[in-house]
Amino acid sequence: MAHAEEDSSFFERERDRLTAEITAGFEELLPLSNQLNRKLEEVLSMTREYETIAELWHSFHVLMRNQKEEEPAEGQPQGLPGTGGHVLRQSNPESAEQ
């Protein structure tokens, strides 16, 4: 009988040791999972910012594509607004004299 009591106390000690080890593991895991959640939130907020930038570049691309489709006929000056090469209206010196 003494041997059985000794065995049960060994298993109880082993159970307590493993329980403490598991508890320590969870205590270590909790701050790491919180840190992971914060990093994931940062990544998600950055992707939202990139979506805004992507929309801006897309509208610029559409503007440039539409401008290219509306190229002037031969003989008319070409240029983009804001570059100094864009002419709103071509003045004809002969028609100004009349």
PDB file of N, CA and C in Angstrom:
ATOM      1  N   MET A   1       0.807  -1.193   0.000  1.00  0.00           N
ATOM      2  CA  MET A   1       0.000   0.000   0.000  1.00  0.00           C
ATOM      3  C   MET A   1       0.857   1.266   0.000  1.00  0.00           C
ATOM      4  N   ALA A   2       1.936   1.257   0.680  1.00  0.00           N
ATOM      5  CA  ALA A   2       2.820   2.415   0.731  1.00  0.00           C
ATOM      6  C   ALA A   2       3.336   2.751  -0.653  1.00  0.00           C
ATOM      7  N   HIS A   3       3.546   1.710  -1.436  1.00  0.00           N
ATOM      8  CA  HIS A   3       4.026   1.922  -2.799  1.00  0.00           C
ATOM      9  C   HIS A   3       2.952   2.620  -3.653  1.00  0.00           C
ATOM     10  N   ALA A   4       1.680   2.262  -3.467  1.00  0.00           N
ATOM     11  CA  ALA A   4       0.582   2.876  -4.209  1.00  0.00           C
ATOM     12  C   ALA A   4       0.436   4.344  -3.848  1.00  0.00           C
ATOM     13  N   GLU A   5       0.598   4.667  -2.565  1.00  0.00           N
ATOM     14  CA  GLU A   5       0.520   6.069  -2.146  1.00  0.00           C
ATOM     15  C   GLU A   5       1.677   6.864  -2.741  1.00  0.00           C
ATOM     16  N   GLU A   6       2.829   6.237  -2.807  1.00  0.00           N
ATOM     17  CA  GLU A   6       3.996   6.901  -3.373  1.00  0.00           C
ATOM     18  C   GLU A   6       3.795   7.155  -4.869  1.00  0.00           C
ATOM     19  N   ASP A   7       3.214   6.176  -5.577  1.00  0.00           N
ATOM     20  CA  ASP A   7       2.941   6.343  -6.999  1.00  0.00           C
ATOM     21  C   ASP A   7       1.918   7.440  -7.245  1.00  0.00           C
ATOM     22  N   SER A   8       0.872   7.483  -6.449  1.00  0.00           N
ATOM     23  CA  SER A   8      -0.152   8.502  -6.658  1.00  0.00           C
ATOM     24  C   SER A   8       0.422   9.887  -6.375  1.00  0.00           C
ATOM     25  N   SER A   9       1.256   9.984  -5.387  1.00  0.00           N
ATOM     26  CA  SER A   9       1.842  11.290  -5.132  1.00  0.00           C
ATOM     27  C   SER A   9       2.797  11.691  -6.269  1.00  0.00           C
ATOM     28  N   PHE A  10       3.471  10.715  -6.881  1.00  0.00           N
ATOM     29  CA  PHE A  10       4.323  11.015  -8.036  1.00  0.00           C
ATOM     30  C   PHE A  10       3.476  11.560  -9.184  1.00  0.00           C
ATOM     31  N   PHE A  11       2.338  10.890  -9.460  1.00  0.00           N
ATOM     32  CA  PHE A  11       1.468  11.362 -10.541  1.00  0.00           C
ATOM     33  C   PHE A  11       0.859  12.720 -10.214  1.00  0.00           C
ATOM     34  N   GLU A  12       0.529  12.935  -8.968  1.00  0.00           N
ATOM     35  CA  GLU A  12       0.008  14.251  -8.578  1.00  0.00           C
ATOM     36  C   GLU A  12       1.066  15.320  -8.737  1.00  0.00           C
ATOM     37  N   ARG A  13       2.298  15.020  -8.344  1.00  0.00           N
ATOM     38  CA  ARG A  13       3.384  15.992  -8.530  1.00  0.00           C
ATOM     39  C   ARG A  13       3.632  16.240 -10.016  1.00  0.00           C
ATOM     40  N   GLU A  14       3.602  15.186 -10.795  1.00  0.00           N
ATOM     41  CA  GLU A  14       3.815  15.332 -12.248  1.00  0.00           C
ATOM     42  C   GLU A  14       2.682  16.137 -12.873  1.00  0.00           C
ATOM     43  N   ARG A  15       1.447  15.862 -12.429  1.00  0.00           N
ATOM     44  CA  ARG A  15       0.290  16.623 -12.927  1.00  0.00           C
ATOM     45  C   ARG A  15       0.437  18.099 -12.577  1.00  0.00           C
ATOM     46  N   ASP A  16       0.811  18.403 -11.363  1.00  0.00           N
ATOM     47  CA  ASP A  16       0.987  19.790 -10.933  1.00  0.00           C
ATOM     48  C   ASP A  16       2.111  20.470 -11.716  1.00  0.00           C
ATOM     49  N   ARG A  17       3.190  19.731 -11.971  1.00  0.00           N
ATOM     50  CA  ARG A  17       4.301  20.303 -12.740  1.00  0.00           C
ATOM     51  C   ARG A  17       3.874  20.620 -14.166  1.00  0.00           C
ATOM     52  N   LEU A  18       3.160  19.668 -14.785  1.00  0.00           N
ATOM     53  CA  LEU A  18       2.696  19.900 -16.156  1.00  0.00           C
ATOM     54  C   LEU A  18       1.668  21.023 -16.215  1.00  0.00           C
ATOM     55  N   THR A  19       0.804  21.092 -15.214  1.00  0.00           N
ATOM     56  CA  THR A  19      -0.180  22.178 -15.161  1.00  0.00           C
ATOM     57  C   THR A  19       0.523  23.528 -15.048  1.00  0.00           C
ATOM     58  N   ALA A  20       1.538  23.605 -14.224  1.00  0.00           N
ATOM     59  CA  ALA A  20       2.299  24.849 -14.086  1.00  0.00           C
ATOM     60  C   ALA A  20       3.018  25.199 -15.385  1.00  0.00           C
ATOM     61  N   GLU A  21       3.545  24.191 -16.065  1.00  0.00           N
ATOM     62  CA  GLU A  21       4.240  24.423 -17.343  1.00  0.00           C
ATOM     63  C   GLU A  21       3.257  24.938 -18.397  1.00  0.00           C
ATOM     64  N   ILE A  22       2.082  24.345 -18.434  1.00  0.00           N
ATOM     65  CA  ILE A  22       1.055  24.797 -19.394  1.00  0.00           C
ATOM     66  C   ILE A  22       0.614  26.211 -19.069  1.00  0.00           C
ATOM     67  N   THR A  23       0.425  26.511 -17.782  1.00  0.00           N
ATOM     68  CA  THR A  23       0.030  27.859 -17.365  1.00  0.00           C
ATOM     69  C   THR A  23       1.091  28.874 -17.778  1.00  0.00           C
ATOM     70  N   ALA A  24       2.361  28.539 -17.572  1.00  0.00           N
ATOM     71  CA  ALA A  24       3.444  29.449 -17.965  1.00  0.00           C
ATOM     72  C   ALA A  24       3.444  29.650 -19.479  1.00  0.00           C
ATOM     73  N   GLY A  25       3.164  28.584 -20.212  1.00  0.00           N
ATOM     74  CA  GLY A  25       3.098  28.704 -21.671  1.00  0.00           C
ATOM     75  C   GLY A  25       1.981  29.628 -22.109  1.00  0.00           C
ATOM     76  N   PHE A  26       0.818  29.522 -21.465  1.00  0.00           N
ATOM     77  CA  PHE A  26      -0.294  30.415 -21.797  1.00  0.00           C
ATOM     78  C   PHE A  26       0.014  31.860 -21.417  1.00  0.00           C
ATOM     79  N   GLU A  27       0.691  32.044 -20.292  1.00  0.00           N
ATOM     80  CA  GLU A  27       1.065  33.403 -19.879  1.00  0.00           C
ATOM     81  C   GLU A  27       2.051  34.018 -20.873  1.00  0.00           C
ATOM     82  N   GLU A  28       2.879  33.208 -21.481  1.00  0.00           N
ATOM     83  CA  GLU A  28       3.805  33.700 -22.504  1.00  0.00           C
ATOM     84  C   GLU A  28       3.076  33.924 -23.828  1.00  0.00           C
ATOM     85  N   LEU A  29       2.108  33.091 -24.108  1.00  0.00           N
ATOM     86  CA  LEU A  29       1.374  33.170 -25.367  1.00  0.00           C
ATOM     87  C   LEU A  29       0.457  34.391 -25.435  1.00  0.00           C
ATOM     88  N   LEU A  30      -0.145  34.766 -24.322  1.00  0.00           N
ATOM     89  CA  LEU A  30      -1.102  35.867 -24.311  1.00  0.00           C
ATOM     90  C   LEU A  30      -0.502  37.185 -24.801  1.00  0.00           C
ATOM     91  N   PRO A  31       0.643  37.663 -24.255  1.00  0.00           N
ATOM     92  CA  PRO A  31       1.194  38.919 -24.773  1.00  0.00           C
ATOM     93  C   PRO A  31       1.640  38.809 -26.234  1.00  0.00           C
ATOM     94  N   LEU A  32       2.117  37.630 -26.624  1.00  0.00           N
ATOM     95  CA  LEU A  32       2.539  37.463 -28.016  1.00  0.00           C
ATOM     96  C   LEU A  32       1.340  37.519 -28.966  1.00  0.00           C
ATOM     97  N   SER A  33       0.212  36.942 -28.556  1.00  0.00           N
ATOM     98  CA  SER A  33      -0.983  37.007 -29.411  1.00  0.00           C
ATOM     99  C   SER A  33      -1.528  38.429 -29.459  1.00  0.00           C
ATOM    100  N   ASN A  34      -1.426  39.173 -28.354  1.00  0.00           N
ATOM    101  CA  ASN A  34      -1.834  40.583 -28.374  1.00  0.00           C
ATOM    102  C   ASN A  34      -0.944  41.396 -29.313  1.00  0.00           C
ATOM    103  N   GLN A  35       0.349  41.111 -29.272  1.00  0.00           N
ATOM    104  CA  GLN A  35       1.273  41.806 -30.174  1.00  0.00           C
ATOM    105  C   GLN A  35       0.958  41.466 -31.625  1.00  0.00           C
ATOM    106  N   LEU A  36       0.650  40.213 -31.907  1.00  0.00           N
ATOM    107  CA  LEU A  36       0.290  39.802 -33.257  1.00  0.00           C
ATOM    108  C   LEU A  36      -0.974  40.522 -33.718  1.00  0.00           C
ATOM    109  N   ASN A  37      -1.964  40.631 -32.854  1.00  0.00           N
ATOM    110  CA  ASN A  37      -3.201  41.330 -33.205  1.00  0.00           C
ATOM    111  C   ASN A  37      -2.929  42.796 -33.539  1.00  0.00           C
ATOM    112  N   ARG A  38      -2.054  43.450 -32.755  1.00  0.00           N
ATOM    113  CA  ARG A  38      -1.724  44.853 -33.048  1.00  0.00           C
ATOM    114  C   ARG A  38      -1.043  44.978 -34.406  1.00  0.00           C
ATOM    115  N   LYS A  39      -0.134  44.058 -34.719  1.00  0.00           N
ATOM    116  CA  LYS A  39       0.559  44.096 -36.015  1.00  0.00           C
ATOM    117  C   LYS A  39      -0.428  43.866 -37.159  1.00  0.00           C
ATOM    118  N   LEU A  40      -1.372  42.942 -36.975  1.00  0.00           N
ATOM    119  CA  LEU A  40      -2.372  42.701 -38.011  1.00  0.00           C
ATOM    120  C   LEU A  40      -3.246  43.929 -38.233  1.00  0.00           C
ATOM    121  N   GLU A  41      -3.603  44.607 -37.148  1.00  0.00           N
ATOM    122  CA  GLU A  41      -4.382  45.842 -37.283  1.00  0.00           C
ATOM    123  C   GLU A  41      -3.592  46.902 -38.040  1.00  0.00           C
ATOM    124  N   GLU A  42      -2.281  46.998 -37.775  1.00  0.00           N
ATOM    125  CA  GLU A  42      -1.438  47.951 -38.505  1.00  0.00           C
ATOM    126  C   GLU A  42      -1.410  47.623 -39.994  1.00  0.00           C
ATOM    127  N   VAL A  43      -1.273  46.344 -40.307  1.00  0.00           N
ATOM    128  CA  VAL A  43      -1.227  45.924 -41.710  1.00  0.00           C
ATOM    129  C   VAL A  43      -2.548  46.251 -42.398  1.00  0.00           C
ATOM    130  N   LEU A  44      -3.657  45.976 -41.736  1.00  0.00           N
ATOM    131  CA  LEU A  44      -4.959  46.264 -42.336  1.00  0.00           C
ATOM    132  C   LEU A  44      -5.154  47.754 -42.552  1.00  0.00           C
ATOM    133  N   SER A  45      -4.707  48.579 -41.615  1.00  0.00           N
ATOM    134  CA  SER A  45      -4.849  50.023 -41.805  1.00  0.00           C
ATOM    135  C   SER A  45      -3.959  50.505 -42.947  1.00  0.00           C
ATOM    136  N   MET A  46      -2.783  49.895 -43.107  1.00  0.00           N
ATOM    137  CA  MET A  46      -1.902  50.285 -44.215  1.00  0.00           C
ATOM    138  C   MET A  46      -2.530  49.907 -45.556  1.00  0.00           C
ATOM    139  N   THR A  47      -3.182  48.750 -45.624  1.00  0.00           N
ATOM    140  CA  THR A  47      -3.795  48.367 -46.897  1.00  0.00           C
ATOM    141  C   THR A  47      -4.924  49.322 -47.247  1.00  0.00           C
ATOM    142  N   ARG A  48      -5.627  49.830 -46.239  1.00  0.00           N
ATOM    143  CA  ARG A  48      -6.670  50.829 -46.524  1.00  0.00           C
ATOM    144  C   ARG A  48      -6.045  52.096 -47.089  1.00  0.00           C
ATOM    145  N   GLU A  49      -4.887  52.502 -46.543  1.00  0.00           N
ATOM    146  CA  GLU A  49      -4.194  53.677 -47.071  1.00  0.00           C
ATOM    147  C   GLU A  49      -3.734  53.428 -48.506  1.00  0.00           C
ATOM    148  N   TYR A  50      -3.239  52.231 -48.793  1.00  0.00           N
ATOM    149  CA  TYR A  50      -2.800  51.917 -50.148  1.00  0.00           C
ATOM    150  C   TYR A  50      -3.974  51.887 -51.117  1.00  0.00           C
ATOM    151  N   GLU A  51      -5.144  51.493 -50.649  1.00  0.00           N
ATOM    152  CA  GLU A  51      -6.323  51.511 -51.525  1.00  0.00           C
ATOM    153  C   GLU A  51      -6.624  52.940 -51.955  1.00  0.00           C
ATOM    154  N   THR A  52      -6.506  53.895 -51.045  1.00  0.00           N
ATOM    155  CA  THR A  52      -6.739  55.299 -51.378  1.00  0.00           C
ATOM    156  C   THR A  52      -5.732  55.772 -52.421  1.00  0.00           C
ATOM    157  N   ILE A  53      -4.465  55.418 -52.218  1.00  0.00           N
ATOM    158  CA  ILE A  53      -3.429  55.808 -53.171  1.00  0.00           C
ATOM    159  C   ILE A  53      -3.664  55.126 -54.514  1.00  0.00           C
ATOM    160  N   ALA A  54      -4.069  53.856 -54.485  1.00  0.00           N
ATOM    161  CA  ALA A  54      -4.338  53.130 -55.726  1.00  0.00           C
ATOM    162  C   ALA A  54      -5.496  53.770 -56.487  1.00  0.00           C
ATOM    163  N   GLU A  55      -6.525  54.197 -55.766  1.00  0.00           N
ATOM    164  CA  GLU A  55      -7.649  54.877 -56.434  1.00  0.00           C
ATOM    165  C   GLU A  55      -7.190  56.177 -57.073  1.00  0.00           C
ATOM    166  N   LEU A  56      -6.320  56.906 -56.391  1.00  0.00           N
ATOM    167  CA  LEU A  56      -5.799  58.154 -56.947  1.00  0.00           C
ATOM    168  C   LEU A  56      -5.010  57.894 -58.225  1.00  0.00           C
ATOM    169  N   TRP A  57      -4.132  56.902 -58.211  1.00  0.00           N
ATOM    170  CA  TRP A  57      -3.354  56.573 -59.408  1.00  0.00           C
ATOM    171  C   TRP A  57      -4.259  56.050 -60.522  1.00  0.00           C
ATOM    172  N   HIS A  58      -5.301  55.320 -60.161  1.00  0.00           N
ATOM    173  CA  HIS A  58      -6.227  54.821 -61.177  1.00  0.00           C
ATOM    174  C   HIS A  58      -6.940  55.990 -61.861  1.00  0.00           C
ATOM    175  N   SER A  59      -7.394  56.966 -61.085  1.00  0.00           N
ATOM    176  CA  SER A  59      -8.065  58.104 -61.714  1.00  0.00           C
ATOM    177  C   SER A  59      -7.086  58.899 -62.580  1.00  0.00           C
ATOM    178  N   PHE A  60      -5.811  58.983 -62.149  1.00  0.00           N
ATOM    179  CA  PHE A  60      -4.801  59.643 -62.978  1.00  0.00           C
ATOM    180  C   PHE A  60      -4.607  58.873 -64.277  1.00  0.00           C
ATOM    181  N   HIS A  61      -4.554  57.536 -64.184  1.00  0.00           N
ATOM    182  CA  HIS A  61      -4.401  56.700 -65.369  1.00  0.00           C
ATOM    183  C   HIS A  61      -5.576  56.887 -66.327  1.00  0.00           C
ATOM    184  N   VAL A  62      -6.790  56.909 -65.787  1.00  0.00           N
ATOM    185  CA  VAL A  62      -7.974  57.107 -66.624  1.00  0.00           C
ATOM    186  C   VAL A  62      -7.921  58.474 -67.299  1.00  0.00           C
ATOM    187  N   LEU A  63      -7.520  59.498 -66.555  1.00  0.00           N
ATOM    188  CA  LEU A  63      -7.402  60.844 -67.118  1.00  0.00           C
ATOM    189  C   LEU A  63      -6.395  60.864 -68.263  1.00  0.00           C
ATOM    190  N   MET A  64      -5.244  60.225 -68.046  1.00  0.00           N
ATOM    191  CA  MET A  64      -4.215  60.206 -69.087  1.00  0.00           C
ATOM    192  C   MET A  64      -4.685  59.405 -70.307  1.00  0.00           C
ATOM    193  N   ARG A  65      -5.362  58.288 -70.073  1.00  0.00           N
ATOM    194  CA  ARG A  65      -5.855  57.479 -71.180  1.00  0.00           C
ATOM    195  C   ARG A  65      -6.901  58.261 -71.979  1.00  0.00           C
ATOM    196  N   ASN A  66      -7.809  58.945 -71.291  1.00  0.00           N
ATOM    197  CA  ASN A  66      -8.827  59.742 -71.984  1.00  0.00           C
ATOM    198  C   ASN A  66      -8.182  60.882 -72.762  1.00  0.00           C
ATOM    199  N   GLN A  67      -7.141  61.472 -72.192  1.00  0.00           N
ATOM    200  CA  GLN A  67      -6.458  62.572 -72.880  1.00  0.00           C
ATOM    201  C   GLN A  67      -5.767  62.044 -74.139  1.00  0.00           C
ATOM    202  N   LYS A  68      -5.207  60.853 -74.070  1.00  0.00           N
ATOM    203  CA  LYS A  68      -4.533  60.279 -75.232  1.00  0.00           C
ATOM    204  C   LYS A  68      -5.542  59.967 -76.330  1.00  0.00           C
ATOM    205  N   GLU A  69      -6.731  59.512 -75.941  1.00  0.00           N
ATOM    206  CA  GLU A  69      -7.774  59.216 -76.924  1.00  0.00           C
ATOM    207  C   GLU A  69      -8.266  60.485 -77.613  1.00  0.00           C
ATOM    208  N   GLU A  70      -8.153  61.623 -76.951  1.00  0.00           N
ATOM    209  CA  GLU A  70      -8.612  62.895 -77.513  1.00  0.00           C
ATOM    210  C   GLU A  70      -7.456  63.669 -78.130  1.00  0.00           C
ATOM    211  N   GLU A  71      -6.473  62.960 -78.708  1.00  0.00           N
ATOM    212  CA  GLU A  71      -5.327  63.639 -79.316  1.00  0.00           C
ATOM    213  C   GLU A  71      -5.804  64.566 -80.422  1.00  0.00           C
ATOM    214  N   PRO A  72      -5.221  65.735 -80.523  1.00  0.00           N
ATOM    215  CA  PRO A  72      -5.618  66.683 -81.563  1.00  0.00           C
ATOM    216  C   PRO A  72      -5.207  66.203 -82.953  1.00  0.00           C
ATOM    217  N   ALA A  73      -5.871  66.752 -83.942  1.00  0.00           N
ATOM    218  CA  ALA A  73      -5.559  66.402 -85.329  1.00  0.00           C
ATOM    219  C   ALA A  73      -4.174  66.941 -85.688  1.00  0.00           C
ATOM    220  N   GLU A  74      -3.663  66.507 -86.842  1.00  0.00           N
ATOM    221  CA  GLU A  74      -2.338  66.956 -87.274  1.00  0.00           C
ATOM    222  C   GLU A  74      -2.303  68.464 -87.431  1.00  0.00           C
ATOM    223  N   GLY A  75      -1.172  69.027 -87.075  1.00  0.00           N
ATOM    224  CA  GLY A  75      -1.001  70.466 -87.218  1.00  0.00           C
ATOM    225  C   GLY A  75      -1.373  71.223 -85.959  1.00  0.00           C
ATOM    226  N   GLN A  76      -2.078  70.610 -85.058  1.00  0.00           N
ATOM    227  CA  GLN A  76      -2.434  71.282 -83.807  1.00  0.00           C
ATOM    228  C   GLN A  76      -1.377  70.962 -82.755  1.00  0.00           C
ATOM    229  N   PRO A  77      -1.061  71.922 -81.918  1.00  0.00           N
ATOM    230  CA  PRO A  77      -0.042  71.673 -80.887  1.00  0.00           C
ATOM    231  C   PRO A  77      -0.553  70.669 -79.860  1.00  0.00           C
ATOM    232  N   GLN A  78       0.391  69.894 -79.335  1.00  0.00           N
ATOM    233  CA  GLN A  78       0.040  68.912 -78.319  1.00  0.00           C
ATOM    234  C   GLN A  78       0.707  69.289 -77.002  1.00  0.00           C
ATOM    235  N   GLY A  79       0.147  68.815 -75.930  1.00  0.00           N
ATOM    236  CA  GLY A  79       0.741  69.053 -74.621  1.00  0.00           C
ATOM    237  C   GLY A  79      -0.241  68.696 -73.527  1.00  0.00           C
ATOM    238  N   LEU A  80       0.270  68.564 -72.340  1.00  0.00           N
ATOM    239  CA  LEU A  80      -0.559  68.234 -71.192  1.00  0.00           C
ATOM    240  C   LEU A  80      -0.749  69.467 -70.325  1.00  0.00           C
ATOM    241  N   PRO A  81      -1.916  69.629 -69.728  1.00  0.00           N
ATOM    242  CA  PRO A  81      -2.111  70.760 -68.827  1.00  0.00           C
ATOM    243  C   PRO A  81      -1.084  70.727 -67.703  1.00  0.00           C
ATOM    244  N   GLY A  82      -0.556  71.887 -67.364  1.00  0.00           N
ATOM    245  CA  GLY A  82       0.407  71.966 -66.276  1.00  0.00           C
ATOM    246  C   GLY A  82       1.841  71.759 -66.712  1.00  0.00           C
ATOM    247  N   THR A  83       2.087  71.415 -67.972  1.00  0.00           N
ATOM    248  CA  THR A  83       3.461  71.200 -68.433  1.00  0.00           C
ATOM    249  C   THR A  83       3.975  72.362 -69.262  1.00  0.00           C
ATOM    250  N   GLY A  84       3.117  73.290 -69.577  1.00  0.00           N
ATOM    251  CA  GLY A  84       3.517  74.421 -70.399  1.00  0.00           C
ATOM    252  C   GLY A  84       3.356  74.147 -71.880  1.00  0.00           C
ATOM    253  N   GLY A  85       3.053  72.928 -72.263  1.00  0.00           N
ATOM    254  CA  GLY A  85       2.896  72.590 -73.668  1.00  0.00           C
ATOM    255  C   GLY A  85       1.444  72.508 -74.081  1.00  0.00           C
ATOM    256  N   HIS A  86       0.533  72.729 -73.154  1.00  0.00           N
ATOM    257  CA  HIS A  86      -0.896  72.638 -73.446  1.00  0.00           C
ATOM    258  C   HIS A  86      -1.403  73.990 -73.934  1.00  0.00           C
ATOM    259  N   VAL A  87      -2.054  73.994 -75.100  1.00  0.00           N
ATOM    260  CA  VAL A  87      -2.598  75.221 -75.663  1.00  0.00           C
ATOM    261  C   VAL A  87      -4.107  75.107 -75.643  1.00  0.00           C
ATOM    262  N   LEU A  88      -4.763  76.036 -74.966  1.00  0.00           N
ATOM    263  CA  LEU A  88      -6.216  76.008 -74.885  1.00  0.00           C
ATOM    264  C   LEU A  88      -6.856  76.425 -76.204  1.00  0.00           C
ATOM    265  N   ARG A  89      -6.296  77.466 -76.824  1.00  0.00           N
ATOM    266  CA  ARG A  89      -6.852  77.947 -78.071  1.00  0.00           C
ATOM    267  C   ARG A  89      -5.700  78.445 -78.918  1.00  0.00           C
ATOM    268  N   GLN A  90      -5.688  77.981 -80.144  1.00  0.00           N
ATOM    269  CA  GLN A  90      -4.619  78.410 -81.040  1.00  0.00           C
ATOM    270  C   GLN A  90      -5.057  79.726 -81.676  1.00  0.00           C
ATOM    271  N   SER A  91      -4.240  80.746 -81.477  1.00  0.00           N
ATOM    272  CA  SER A  91      -4.590  82.038 -82.072  1.00  0.00           C
ATOM    273  C   SER A  91      -3.969  82.140 -83.460  1.00  0.00           C
ATOM    274  N   ASN A  92      -4.730  82.644 -84.361  1.00  0.00           N
ATOM    275  CA  ASN A  92      -4.269  82.823 -85.727  1.00  0.00           C
ATOM    276  C   ASN A  92      -4.009  84.314 -85.936  1.00  0.00           C
ATOM    277  N   PRO A  93      -2.784  84.729 -86.166  1.00  0.00           N
ATOM    278  CA  PRO A  93      -2.486  86.176 -86.306  1.00  0.00           C
ATOM    279  C   PRO A  93      -3.278  86.817 -87.453  1.00  0.00           C
ATOM    280  N   GLU A  94      -3.553  86.083 -88.507  1.00  0.00           N
ATOM    281  CA  GLU A  94      -4.289  86.650 -89.635  1.00  0.00           C
ATOM    282  C   GLU A  94      -5.728  86.943 -89.245  1.00  0.00           C
ATOM    283  N   SER A  95      -6.349  86.066 -88.453  1.00  0.00           N
ATOM    284  CA  SER A  95      -7.734  86.302 -88.082  1.00  0.00           C
ATOM    285  C   SER A  95      -7.840  87.404 -87.038  1.00  0.00           C
ATOM    286  N   ALA A  96      -6.784  87.657 -86.269  1.00  0.00           N
ATOM    287  CA  ALA A  96      -6.805  88.719 -85.266  1.00  0.00           C
ATOM    288  C   ALA A  96      -6.758  90.081 -85.942  1.00  0.00           C
ATOM    289  N   GLU A  97      -6.109  90.180 -87.126  1.00  0.00           N
ATOM    290  CA  GLU A  97      -5.976  91.454 -87.830  1.00  0.00           C
ATOM    291  C   GLU A  97      -7.294  91.857 -88.479  1.00  0.00           C
ATOM    292  N   GLN A  98      -8.150  90.904 -88.790  1.00  0.00           N
ATOM    293  CA  GLN A  98      -9.369  91.229 -89.534  1.00  0.00           C
ATOM    294  C   GLN A  98     -10.393  91.816 -88.680  1.00  0.00           C
TER     295      GLN A  98
END
